[in-house]
Amino acid sequence: MLGDDTSRDRLWRTAARQRGYFTAAQAITAGYSYQAQHFHVGRRNWIRIDRGIYRFREYLDLPSGDTDHLVRWSLWSRGLAVVSHVTALAVHDLGSANPAEVHLTVPKGFRAKDAAVVLHHAALEADGIEQHEGFKVTTPRRAIAESAAAAVDQEVIDSAVSEALSKGLASRRRLLHAAQEIGARAELGVERALREVAE
């Protein structure tokens, strides 16, 4: 019954859409005071991930996905960051990208920093973004173009373009258009990759 809805039920529903992660603000909205939050962290019911970011303990016992940690960075940015560049290539399983850092594109006025992430400031169009479970990511064609613009190794771009085409995730025309929108370096990298695929 609706009347039996508890704070934990409400918070769990929110966290379930975010792979078990939630913020202190979301916990407040669900009905947990800061004192109650402190209690649950102390009892290890919630695992403290970062300042104001937690995860339900139960999720530590579940199989984790390769992209679970990206939800944390979405919450850290208050939903403003979009996973991008080579990190987005890895999310889309394109090519040989295996980034050591997490690449995020954030609005130009974004001020937060963390040594674990590489921030790129740009205004993204809605058609260049996809929603994944708990985080946003740039589309395959945008991820390829922005990686080329960032002078990622050409072999990574070549393999990503080849797989994007073979999986039907992008056409040659749309890849070139996405690169042209970003700039000359992106266009050059994508053109080289398209020539490599054609040979």
N, C-alpha and C. Protein backbone atom coordinates (compact mmCIF):
# COMPACT_ATOMS: atom_id res chain seq x y z
N MET A 1 0.83 -1.19 0.00
CA MET A 1 0.00 0.00 0.00
C MET A 1 0.87 1.25 0.00
N LEU A 2 0.37 2.33 -0.57
CA LEU A 2 1.11 3.57 -0.67
C LEU A 2 1.46 4.11 0.72
N GLY A 3 0.56 3.93 1.69
CA GLY A 3 0.79 4.42 3.04
C GLY A 3 1.95 3.73 3.73
N ASP A 4 2.32 2.56 3.29
CA ASP A 4 3.42 1.81 3.90
C ASP A 4 4.77 2.18 3.32
N ASP A 5 4.80 3.14 2.41
CA ASP A 5 6.04 3.56 1.76
C ASP A 5 6.98 4.15 2.80
N THR A 6 8.15 3.55 2.99
CA THR A 6 9.10 4.03 3.99
C THR A 6 10.19 4.88 3.34
N SER A 7 10.95 5.56 4.19
CA SER A 7 12.09 6.34 3.69
C SER A 7 13.05 5.44 2.93
N ARG A 8 13.28 4.23 3.46
CA ARG A 8 14.20 3.31 2.79
C ARG A 8 13.66 2.90 1.42
N ASP A 9 12.36 2.65 1.33
CA ASP A 9 11.75 2.30 0.04
C ASP A 9 11.97 3.41 -0.98
N ARG A 10 11.72 4.64 -0.54
CA ARG A 10 11.87 5.77 -1.46
C ARG A 10 13.33 5.94 -1.91
N LEU A 11 14.24 5.83 -0.95
CA LEU A 11 15.65 5.99 -1.29
C LEU A 11 16.14 4.83 -2.15
N TRP A 12 15.67 3.63 -1.85
CA TRP A 12 16.08 2.46 -2.61
C TRP A 12 15.65 2.59 -4.08
N ARG A 13 14.42 3.09 -4.30
CA ARG A 13 13.95 3.27 -5.68
C ARG A 13 14.84 4.24 -6.44
N THR A 14 15.24 5.32 -5.78
CA THR A 14 16.14 6.28 -6.41
C THR A 14 17.49 5.64 -6.70
N ALA A 15 18.04 4.97 -5.70
CA ALA A 15 19.37 4.35 -5.84
C ALA A 15 19.37 3.23 -6.88
N ALA A 16 18.26 2.53 -6.99
CA ALA A 16 18.19 1.41 -7.95
C ALA A 16 18.36 1.90 -9.39
N ARG A 17 17.96 3.14 -9.66
CA ARG A 17 18.15 3.71 -11.00
C ARG A 17 19.58 4.22 -11.19
N GLN A 18 20.36 4.20 -10.09
CA GLN A 18 21.71 4.74 -10.11
C GLN A 18 22.73 3.71 -9.63
N ARG A 19 22.41 2.42 -9.85
CA ARG A 19 23.29 1.31 -9.49
C ARG A 19 23.70 1.33 -8.02
N GLY A 20 22.75 1.73 -7.19
CA GLY A 20 22.96 1.68 -5.75
C GLY A 20 23.53 2.95 -5.15
N TYR A 21 23.93 3.90 -5.98
CA TYR A 21 24.49 5.17 -5.49
C TYR A 21 23.37 6.18 -5.21
N PHE A 22 23.64 7.08 -4.29
CA PHE A 22 22.71 8.18 -4.03
C PHE A 22 23.46 9.30 -3.32
N THR A 23 22.87 10.47 -3.32
CA THR A 23 23.49 11.62 -2.67
C THR A 23 22.82 11.91 -1.34
N ALA A 24 23.51 12.71 -0.52
CA ALA A 24 22.92 13.14 0.75
C ALA A 24 21.62 13.90 0.51
N ALA A 25 21.60 14.71 -0.55
CA ALA A 25 20.38 15.47 -0.87
C ALA A 25 19.23 14.54 -1.22
N GLN A 26 19.52 13.47 -1.96
CA GLN A 26 18.48 12.50 -2.30
C GLN A 26 17.98 11.78 -1.05
N ALA A 27 18.90 11.50 -0.11
CA ALA A 27 18.51 10.86 1.15
C ALA A 27 17.61 11.78 1.97
N ILE A 28 17.92 13.08 1.97
CA ILE A 28 17.07 14.07 2.67
C ILE A 28 15.67 14.06 2.07
N THR A 29 15.60 14.08 0.73
CA THR A 29 14.31 14.07 0.04
C THR A 29 13.51 12.81 0.38
N ALA A 30 14.21 11.69 0.57
CA ALA A 30 13.53 10.43 0.90
C ALA A 30 13.08 10.38 2.35
N GLY A 31 13.61 11.29 3.19
CA GLY A 31 13.16 11.33 4.58
C GLY A 31 14.23 11.06 5.61
N TYR A 32 15.51 11.00 5.22
CA TYR A 32 16.60 10.76 6.17
C TYR A 32 17.23 12.08 6.59
N SER A 33 17.24 12.37 7.87
CA SER A 33 17.93 13.56 8.38
C SER A 33 19.44 13.32 8.26
N TYR A 34 20.22 14.39 8.43
CA TYR A 34 21.68 14.22 8.39
C TYR A 34 22.15 13.32 9.54
N GLN A 35 21.46 13.40 10.67
CA GLN A 35 21.80 12.54 11.81
C GLN A 35 21.54 11.07 11.45
N ALA A 36 20.41 10.81 10.79
CA ALA A 36 20.09 9.44 10.37
C ALA A 36 21.10 8.95 9.33
N GLN A 37 21.53 9.84 8.45
CA GLN A 37 22.54 9.46 7.45
C GLN A 37 23.84 9.06 8.13
N HIS A 38 24.25 9.86 9.13
CA HIS A 38 25.48 9.56 9.88
C HIS A 38 25.37 8.19 10.54
N PHE A 39 24.19 7.90 11.10
CA PHE A 39 23.95 6.61 11.75
C PHE A 39 24.13 5.46 10.75
N HIS A 40 23.53 5.58 9.57
CA HIS A 40 23.60 4.48 8.59
C HIS A 40 25.00 4.28 8.04
N VAL A 41 25.77 5.37 7.92
CA VAL A 41 27.17 5.23 7.50
C VAL A 41 27.97 4.53 8.60
N GLY A 42 27.72 4.95 9.84
CA GLY A 42 28.41 4.33 10.98
C GLY A 42 28.11 2.85 11.13
N ARG A 43 26.88 2.45 10.81
CA ARG A 43 26.48 1.04 10.89
C ARG A 43 26.87 0.25 9.64
N ARG A 44 27.47 0.94 8.68
CA ARG A 44 27.89 0.33 7.40
C ARG A 44 26.70 -0.16 6.58
N ASN A 45 25.51 0.39 6.83
CA ASN A 45 24.38 0.13 5.95
C ASN A 45 24.60 0.84 4.63
N TRP A 46 25.24 2.01 4.71
CA TRP A 46 25.59 2.80 3.54
C TRP A 46 27.11 2.92 3.49
N ILE A 47 27.67 2.82 2.33
CA ILE A 47 29.12 2.99 2.15
C ILE A 47 29.37 4.40 1.64
N ARG A 48 30.22 5.13 2.34
CA ARG A 48 30.55 6.50 1.91
C ARG A 48 31.54 6.41 0.75
N ILE A 49 31.16 6.95 -0.39
CA ILE A 49 31.98 6.91 -1.60
C ILE A 49 32.79 8.19 -1.75
N ASP A 50 32.17 9.30 -1.44
CA ASP A 50 32.79 10.61 -1.56
C ASP A 50 31.98 11.55 -0.68
N ARG A 51 32.40 12.78 -0.61
CA ARG A 51 31.65 13.74 0.19
C ARG A 51 30.22 13.87 -0.35
N GLY A 52 29.25 13.47 0.49
CA GLY A 52 27.85 13.58 0.11
C GLY A 52 27.37 12.54 -0.88
N ILE A 53 28.17 11.49 -1.14
CA ILE A 53 27.78 10.41 -2.07
C ILE A 53 27.94 9.07 -1.36
N TYR A 54 26.89 8.27 -1.41
CA TYR A 54 26.86 6.99 -0.72
C TYR A 54 26.41 5.88 -1.67
N ARG A 55 26.56 4.64 -1.18
CA ARG A 55 26.05 3.49 -1.92
C ARG A 55 25.50 2.47 -0.93
N PHE A 56 24.36 1.89 -1.27
CA PHE A 56 23.82 0.85 -0.40
C PHE A 56 24.79 -0.33 -0.33
N ARG A 57 25.03 -0.80 0.89
CA ARG A 57 25.97 -1.90 1.12
C ARG A 57 25.64 -3.13 0.28
N GLU A 58 24.35 -3.38 0.07
CA GLU A 58 23.93 -4.58 -0.67
C GLU A 58 24.53 -4.63 -2.07
N TYR A 59 24.80 -3.46 -2.65
CA TYR A 59 25.33 -3.43 -4.02
C TYR A 59 26.76 -3.93 -4.09
N LEU A 60 27.46 -3.96 -2.96
CA LEU A 60 28.82 -4.48 -2.97
C LEU A 60 28.84 -5.99 -3.18
N ASP A 61 27.73 -6.65 -2.86
CA ASP A 61 27.63 -8.11 -3.02
C ASP A 61 27.10 -8.52 -4.39
N LEU A 62 26.65 -7.53 -5.17
CA LEU A 62 26.12 -7.82 -6.51
C LEU A 62 27.22 -7.72 -7.55
N PRO A 63 27.09 -8.45 -8.65
CA PRO A 63 28.09 -8.29 -9.71
C PRO A 63 28.11 -6.84 -10.19
N SER A 64 29.30 -6.28 -10.29
CA SER A 64 29.38 -4.88 -10.72
C SER A 64 29.68 -4.81 -12.21
N GLY A 65 29.16 -3.77 -12.83
CA GLY A 65 29.41 -3.55 -14.25
C GLY A 65 30.64 -2.68 -14.44
N ASP A 66 31.18 -2.70 -15.64
CA ASP A 66 32.37 -1.91 -15.96
C ASP A 66 32.12 -0.42 -15.84
N THR A 67 30.87 -0.02 -15.91
CA THR A 67 30.56 1.42 -15.90
C THR A 67 29.91 1.90 -14.61
N ASP A 68 29.83 1.05 -13.58
CA ASP A 68 29.19 1.45 -12.32
C ASP A 68 29.81 2.73 -11.75
N HIS A 69 31.15 2.82 -11.80
CA HIS A 69 31.83 3.97 -11.21
C HIS A 69 31.47 5.29 -11.88
N LEU A 70 30.96 5.22 -13.11
CA LEU A 70 30.61 6.45 -13.82
C LEU A 70 29.37 7.13 -13.21
N VAL A 71 28.52 6.33 -12.57
CA VAL A 71 27.35 6.90 -11.89
C VAL A 71 27.83 7.83 -10.77
N ARG A 72 28.87 7.40 -10.07
CA ARG A 72 29.43 8.22 -8.99
C ARG A 72 29.82 9.60 -9.50
N TRP A 73 30.47 9.63 -10.69
CA TRP A 73 30.93 10.92 -11.22
C TRP A 73 29.77 11.77 -11.72
N SER A 74 28.71 11.14 -12.16
CA SER A 74 27.51 11.89 -12.53
C SER A 74 26.91 12.56 -11.30
N LEU A 75 26.84 11.83 -10.20
CA LEU A 75 26.31 12.40 -8.95
C LEU A 75 27.24 13.48 -8.42
N TRP A 76 28.55 13.23 -8.51
CA TRP A 76 29.55 14.22 -8.06
C TRP A 76 29.35 15.56 -8.77
N SER A 77 28.99 15.48 -10.06
CA SER A 77 28.82 16.70 -10.86
C SER A 77 27.40 17.27 -10.75
N ARG A 78 26.58 16.69 -9.90
CA ARG A 78 25.17 17.06 -9.76
C ARG A 78 24.42 16.89 -11.08
N GLY A 79 24.80 15.87 -11.82
CA GLY A 79 24.11 15.54 -13.07
C GLY A 79 24.52 16.39 -14.25
N LEU A 80 25.53 17.25 -14.07
CA LEU A 80 25.93 18.14 -15.16
C LEU A 80 26.94 17.51 -16.11
N ALA A 81 27.71 16.54 -15.64
CA ALA A 81 28.77 15.94 -16.45
C ALA A 81 28.21 14.88 -17.41
N VAL A 82 28.84 14.82 -18.58
CA VAL A 82 28.53 13.79 -19.57
C VAL A 82 29.82 13.01 -19.82
N VAL A 83 29.77 11.70 -19.67
CA VAL A 83 30.93 10.86 -19.94
C VAL A 83 31.29 11.04 -21.42
N SER A 84 32.57 11.28 -21.70
CA SER A 84 32.94 11.65 -23.07
C SER A 84 34.32 11.14 -23.45
N HIS A 85 34.74 11.50 -24.66
CA HIS A 85 36.06 11.19 -25.20
C HIS A 85 36.34 9.68 -25.12
N VAL A 86 37.56 9.29 -24.75
CA VAL A 86 37.90 7.86 -24.78
C VAL A 86 37.11 7.06 -23.75
N THR A 87 36.66 7.70 -22.67
CA THR A 87 35.83 6.98 -21.70
C THR A 87 34.50 6.60 -22.35
N ALA A 88 33.95 7.49 -23.17
CA ALA A 88 32.72 7.18 -23.89
C ALA A 88 32.95 6.07 -24.91
N LEU A 89 34.12 6.07 -25.56
CA LEU A 89 34.43 4.96 -26.48
C LEU A 89 34.39 3.63 -25.74
N ALA A 90 34.95 3.60 -24.53
CA ALA A 90 34.95 2.37 -23.73
C ALA A 90 33.52 1.97 -23.33
N VAL A 91 32.68 2.96 -22.98
CA VAL A 91 31.29 2.67 -22.64
C VAL A 91 30.58 2.02 -23.82
N HIS A 92 30.83 2.54 -25.03
CA HIS A 92 30.20 2.00 -26.23
C HIS A 92 30.91 0.75 -26.76
N ASP A 93 31.98 0.35 -26.08
CA ASP A 93 32.77 -0.81 -26.49
C ASP A 93 33.26 -0.67 -27.92
N LEU A 94 33.85 0.49 -28.19
CA LEU A 94 34.36 0.78 -29.53
C LEU A 94 35.88 0.84 -29.53
N GLY A 95 36.48 0.02 -30.34
CA GLY A 95 37.92 0.08 -30.54
C GLY A 95 38.71 -0.38 -29.33
N SER A 96 39.95 0.09 -29.31
CA SER A 96 40.91 -0.39 -28.31
C SER A 96 41.10 0.59 -27.16
N ALA A 97 40.18 1.52 -26.99
CA ALA A 97 40.32 2.53 -25.92
C ALA A 97 40.29 1.87 -24.55
N ASN A 98 41.26 2.22 -23.73
CA ASN A 98 41.32 1.73 -22.35
C ASN A 98 41.86 2.85 -21.47
N PRO A 99 41.03 3.89 -21.26
CA PRO A 99 41.52 5.09 -20.59
C PRO A 99 41.86 4.86 -19.12
N ALA A 100 42.94 5.48 -18.68
CA ALA A 100 43.34 5.39 -17.28
C ALA A 100 42.51 6.35 -16.43
N GLU A 101 42.10 7.48 -17.02
CA GLU A 101 41.29 8.45 -16.30
C GLU A 101 39.86 8.46 -16.86
N VAL A 102 38.98 9.05 -16.09
CA VAL A 102 37.60 9.24 -16.53
C VAL A 102 37.51 10.62 -17.19
N HIS A 103 37.04 10.64 -18.44
CA HIS A 103 36.87 11.89 -19.17
C HIS A 103 35.40 12.32 -19.10
N LEU A 104 35.19 13.57 -18.69
CA LEU A 104 33.85 14.12 -18.56
C LEU A 104 33.78 15.46 -19.28
N THR A 105 32.69 15.70 -19.96
CA THR A 105 32.43 17.03 -20.53
C THR A 105 31.44 17.72 -19.63
N VAL A 106 31.79 18.94 -19.24
CA VAL A 106 30.97 19.71 -18.29
C VAL A 106 30.70 21.10 -18.88
N PRO A 107 29.66 21.78 -18.40
CA PRO A 107 29.38 23.14 -18.89
C PRO A 107 30.54 24.09 -18.60
N LYS A 108 30.60 25.16 -19.33
CA LYS A 108 31.73 26.09 -19.23
C LYS A 108 31.90 26.69 -17.84
N GLY A 109 30.82 26.90 -17.11
CA GLY A 109 30.93 27.50 -15.78
C GLY A 109 31.23 26.51 -14.66
N PHE A 110 31.39 25.23 -14.98
CA PHE A 110 31.58 24.19 -13.97
C PHE A 110 32.92 24.39 -13.26
N ARG A 111 32.94 24.40 -11.92
CA ARG A 111 34.15 24.72 -11.17
C ARG A 111 34.75 23.56 -10.38
N ALA A 112 33.99 22.53 -10.07
CA ALA A 112 34.53 21.43 -9.25
C ALA A 112 35.68 20.74 -9.97
N LYS A 113 36.61 20.19 -9.17
CA LYS A 113 37.75 19.46 -9.74
C LYS A 113 38.03 18.22 -8.91
N ASP A 114 38.62 17.23 -9.55
CA ASP A 114 39.06 16.03 -8.85
C ASP A 114 40.19 15.42 -9.67
N ALA A 115 41.23 14.95 -9.00
CA ALA A 115 42.40 14.42 -9.70
C ALA A 115 42.07 13.16 -10.51
N ALA A 116 40.96 12.50 -10.18
CA ALA A 116 40.62 11.24 -10.86
C ALA A 116 39.90 11.44 -12.19
N VAL A 117 39.53 12.70 -12.50
CA VAL A 117 38.80 12.94 -13.74
C VAL A 117 39.50 14.00 -14.59
N VAL A 118 39.32 13.88 -15.90
CA VAL A 118 39.79 14.89 -16.85
C VAL A 118 38.54 15.61 -17.33
N LEU A 119 38.50 16.92 -17.10
CA LEU A 119 37.31 17.69 -17.46
C LEU A 119 37.53 18.43 -18.78
N HIS A 120 36.50 18.37 -19.63
CA HIS A 120 36.48 19.10 -20.90
C HIS A 120 35.27 20.03 -20.82
N HIS A 121 35.48 21.32 -21.03
CA HIS A 121 34.39 22.29 -20.94
C HIS A 121 33.81 22.55 -22.33
N ALA A 122 32.54 22.26 -22.48
CA ALA A 122 31.87 22.48 -23.77
C ALA A 122 30.36 22.43 -23.57
N ALA A 123 29.64 23.07 -24.47
CA ALA A 123 28.18 22.99 -24.49
C ALA A 123 27.79 21.89 -25.48
N LEU A 124 27.18 20.83 -24.99
CA LEU A 124 26.79 19.71 -25.84
C LEU A 124 25.36 19.84 -26.31
N GLU A 125 25.12 19.51 -27.56
CA GLU A 125 23.75 19.47 -28.10
C GLU A 125 23.08 18.17 -27.64
N ALA A 126 21.78 18.21 -27.50
CA ALA A 126 21.03 17.04 -27.02
C ALA A 126 21.23 15.82 -27.92
N ASP A 127 21.39 16.04 -29.25
CA ASP A 127 21.54 14.89 -30.15
C ASP A 127 22.94 14.27 -30.08
N GLY A 128 23.81 14.84 -29.26
CA GLY A 128 25.14 14.26 -29.07
C GLY A 128 25.27 13.50 -27.77
N ILE A 129 24.13 13.32 -27.07
CA ILE A 129 24.14 12.69 -25.74
C ILE A 129 23.15 11.52 -25.69
N GLU A 130 23.54 10.47 -25.01
CA GLU A 130 22.65 9.33 -24.74
C GLU A 130 22.54 9.13 -23.24
N GLN A 131 21.39 8.65 -22.78
CA GLN A 131 21.21 8.35 -21.37
C GLN A 131 21.49 6.87 -21.13
N HIS A 132 22.39 6.58 -20.20
CA HIS A 132 22.62 5.21 -19.75
C HIS A 132 22.08 5.09 -18.34
N GLU A 133 22.17 3.92 -17.75
CA GLU A 133 21.64 3.73 -16.41
C GLU A 133 22.48 4.51 -15.39
N GLY A 134 21.96 5.65 -14.97
CA GLY A 134 22.61 6.44 -13.94
C GLY A 134 23.58 7.49 -14.42
N PHE A 135 23.83 7.59 -15.71
CA PHE A 135 24.74 8.62 -16.22
C PHE A 135 24.47 8.90 -17.69
N LYS A 136 24.97 10.05 -18.15
CA LYS A 136 24.85 10.42 -19.56
C LYS A 136 26.20 10.21 -20.23
N VAL A 137 26.17 9.91 -21.52
CA VAL A 137 27.40 9.65 -22.28
C VAL A 137 27.23 10.23 -23.68
N THR A 138 28.33 10.69 -24.26
CA THR A 138 28.23 11.18 -25.63
C THR A 138 27.99 10.01 -26.59
N THR A 139 27.32 10.28 -27.69
CA THR A 139 27.00 9.26 -28.69
C THR A 139 28.29 8.71 -29.30
N PRO A 140 28.22 7.54 -29.93
CA PRO A 140 29.43 6.98 -30.56
C PRO A 140 30.11 7.94 -31.52
N ARG A 141 29.33 8.60 -32.40
CA ARG A 141 29.98 9.49 -33.37
C ARG A 141 30.61 10.70 -32.70
N ARG A 142 29.96 11.24 -31.67
CA ARG A 142 30.52 12.37 -30.93
C ARG A 142 31.78 11.92 -30.17
N ALA A 143 31.73 10.75 -29.55
CA ALA A 143 32.88 10.23 -28.79
C ALA A 143 34.09 10.05 -29.70
N ILE A 144 33.87 9.55 -30.90
CA ILE A 144 34.96 9.38 -31.86
C ILE A 144 35.54 10.73 -32.25
N ALA A 145 34.67 11.68 -32.58
CA ALA A 145 35.13 13.00 -33.02
C ALA A 145 35.88 13.73 -31.92
N GLU A 146 35.36 13.70 -30.70
CA GLU A 146 36.04 14.43 -29.62
C GLU A 146 37.35 13.75 -29.23
N SER A 147 37.42 12.42 -29.37
CA SER A 147 38.68 11.72 -29.10
C SER A 147 39.72 12.09 -30.16
N ALA A 148 39.28 12.17 -31.41
CA ALA A 148 40.21 12.59 -32.48
C ALA A 148 40.69 14.02 -32.25
N ALA A 149 39.79 14.89 -31.80
CA ALA A 149 40.16 16.28 -31.53
C ALA A 149 41.16 16.38 -30.39
N ALA A 150 41.11 15.44 -29.46
CA ALA A 150 42.02 15.43 -28.31
C ALA A 150 43.34 14.74 -28.63
N ALA A 151 43.56 14.42 -29.92
CA ALA A 151 44.80 13.79 -30.38
C ALA A 151 45.07 12.44 -29.72
N VAL A 152 44.00 11.68 -29.52
CA VAL A 152 44.16 10.30 -29.06
C VAL A 152 44.89 9.53 -30.16
N ASP A 153 45.63 8.50 -29.79
CA ASP A 153 46.39 7.70 -30.75
C ASP A 153 45.51 7.31 -31.95
N GLN A 154 46.03 7.49 -33.15
CA GLN A 154 45.24 7.26 -34.37
C GLN A 154 44.73 5.82 -34.46
N GLU A 155 45.48 4.86 -33.94
CA GLU A 155 45.02 3.46 -33.97
C GLU A 155 43.73 3.29 -33.18
N VAL A 156 43.59 4.04 -32.10
CA VAL A 156 42.35 3.98 -31.30
C VAL A 156 41.19 4.53 -32.12
N ILE A 157 41.43 5.64 -32.81
CA ILE A 157 40.38 6.23 -33.65
C ILE A 157 40.04 5.29 -34.81
N ASP A 158 41.05 4.72 -35.44
CA ASP A 158 40.82 3.79 -36.55
C ASP A 158 39.93 2.62 -36.13
N SER A 159 40.28 2.02 -34.99
CA SER A 159 39.53 0.84 -34.53
C SER A 159 38.11 1.23 -34.11
N ALA A 160 37.96 2.41 -33.50
CA ALA A 160 36.62 2.86 -33.08
C ALA A 160 35.73 3.14 -34.29
N VAL A 161 36.30 3.78 -35.32
CA VAL A 161 35.53 4.07 -36.54
C VAL A 161 35.13 2.77 -37.22
N SER A 162 36.06 1.85 -37.33
CA SER A 162 35.78 0.56 -37.97
C SER A 162 34.63 -0.17 -37.27
N GLU A 163 34.67 -0.21 -35.95
CA GLU A 163 33.63 -0.92 -35.20
C GLU A 163 32.30 -0.18 -35.22
N ALA A 164 32.34 1.15 -35.16
CA ALA A 164 31.10 1.93 -35.22
C ALA A 164 30.38 1.68 -36.54
N LEU A 165 31.14 1.63 -37.63
CA LEU A 165 30.54 1.37 -38.94
C LEU A 165 30.02 -0.07 -39.03
N SER A 166 30.82 -1.02 -38.57
CA SER A 166 30.41 -2.43 -38.69
C SER A 166 29.21 -2.76 -37.80
N LYS A 167 29.08 -2.06 -36.67
CA LYS A 167 27.95 -2.30 -35.76
C LYS A 167 26.72 -1.46 -36.15
N GLY A 168 26.87 -0.61 -37.16
CA GLY A 168 25.75 0.23 -37.58
C GLY A 168 25.44 1.36 -36.62
N LEU A 169 26.42 1.76 -35.81
CA LEU A 169 26.20 2.84 -34.84
C LEU A 169 26.35 4.22 -35.45
N ALA A 170 26.98 4.30 -36.60
CA ALA A 170 27.18 5.58 -37.28
C ALA A 170 27.48 5.33 -38.74
N SER A 171 27.15 6.30 -39.58
CA SER A 171 27.49 6.23 -41.00
C SER A 171 28.74 7.06 -41.24
N ARG A 172 29.38 6.85 -42.38
CA ARG A 172 30.56 7.65 -42.73
C ARG A 172 30.21 9.14 -42.76
N ARG A 173 29.07 9.45 -43.34
CA ARG A 173 28.65 10.85 -43.46
C ARG A 173 28.45 11.49 -42.09
N ARG A 174 27.78 10.78 -41.19
CA ARG A 174 27.51 11.34 -39.86
C ARG A 174 28.78 11.44 -39.02
N LEU A 175 29.71 10.51 -39.20
CA LEU A 175 31.00 10.60 -38.51
C LEU A 175 31.76 11.84 -38.95
N LEU A 176 31.78 12.06 -40.26
CA LEU A 176 32.48 13.24 -40.79
C LEU A 176 31.81 14.53 -40.33
N HIS A 177 30.49 14.54 -40.34
CA HIS A 177 29.75 15.73 -39.91
C HIS A 177 30.06 16.05 -38.44
N ALA A 178 30.06 15.02 -37.58
CA ALA A 178 30.35 15.22 -36.15
C ALA A 178 31.76 15.78 -35.98
N ALA A 179 32.70 15.26 -36.76
CA ALA A 179 34.09 15.74 -36.68
C ALA A 179 34.20 17.19 -37.15
N GLN A 180 33.51 17.52 -38.24
CA GLN A 180 33.56 18.88 -38.77
C GLN A 180 33.01 19.90 -37.77
N GLU A 181 32.00 19.48 -37.01
CA GLU A 181 31.42 20.38 -36.01
C GLU A 181 32.42 20.71 -34.90
N ILE A 182 33.34 19.80 -34.64
CA ILE A 182 34.30 20.00 -33.54
C ILE A 182 35.53 20.77 -34.00
N GLY A 183 35.99 20.48 -35.24
CA GLY A 183 37.15 21.24 -35.71
C GLY A 183 38.09 20.45 -36.60
N ALA A 184 39.15 21.12 -37.06
CA ALA A 184 40.05 20.56 -38.05
C ALA A 184 40.78 19.31 -37.58
N ARG A 185 41.23 19.30 -36.34
CA ARG A 185 41.97 18.13 -35.84
C ARG A 185 41.07 16.90 -35.79
N ALA A 186 39.82 17.09 -35.35
CA ALA A 186 38.86 15.98 -35.31
C ALA A 186 38.59 15.48 -36.73
N GLU A 187 38.40 16.42 -37.65
CA GLU A 187 38.10 16.06 -39.04
C GLU A 187 39.24 15.26 -39.66
N LEU A 188 40.47 15.70 -39.40
CA LEU A 188 41.64 14.99 -39.94
C LEU A 188 41.73 13.57 -39.40
N GLY A 189 41.54 13.41 -38.09
CA GLY A 189 41.61 12.07 -37.48
C GLY A 189 40.55 11.13 -38.00
N VAL A 190 39.33 11.64 -38.16
CA VAL A 190 38.23 10.80 -38.66
C VAL A 190 38.43 10.48 -40.13
N GLU A 191 38.88 11.45 -40.92
CA GLU A 191 39.15 11.18 -42.35
C GLU A 191 40.22 10.10 -42.51
N ARG A 192 41.27 10.18 -41.71
CA ARG A 192 42.32 9.15 -41.77
C ARG A 192 41.75 7.77 -41.44
N ALA A 193 40.91 7.72 -40.41
CA ALA A 193 40.31 6.44 -40.02
C ALA A 193 39.40 5.90 -41.11
N LEU A 194 38.63 6.77 -41.75
CA LEU A 194 37.74 6.33 -42.82
C LEU A 194 38.54 5.82 -44.02
N ARG A 195 39.67 6.45 -44.31
CA ARG A 195 40.53 5.95 -45.39
C ARG A 195 41.11 4.58 -45.03
N GLU A 196 41.48 4.42 -43.77
CA GLU A 196 42.03 3.15 -43.31
C GLU A 196 41.00 2.03 -43.45
N VAL A 197 39.75 2.32 -43.11
CA VAL A 197 38.67 1.34 -43.20
C VAL A 197 38.41 0.98 -44.66
N ALA A 198 38.51 1.95 -45.54
CA ALA A 198 38.22 1.72 -46.97
C ALA A 198 39.28 0.87 -47.65
N GLU A 199 40.49 0.86 -47.10
CA GLU A 199 41.61 0.13 -47.79
C GLU A 199 41.53 -1.36 -47.53
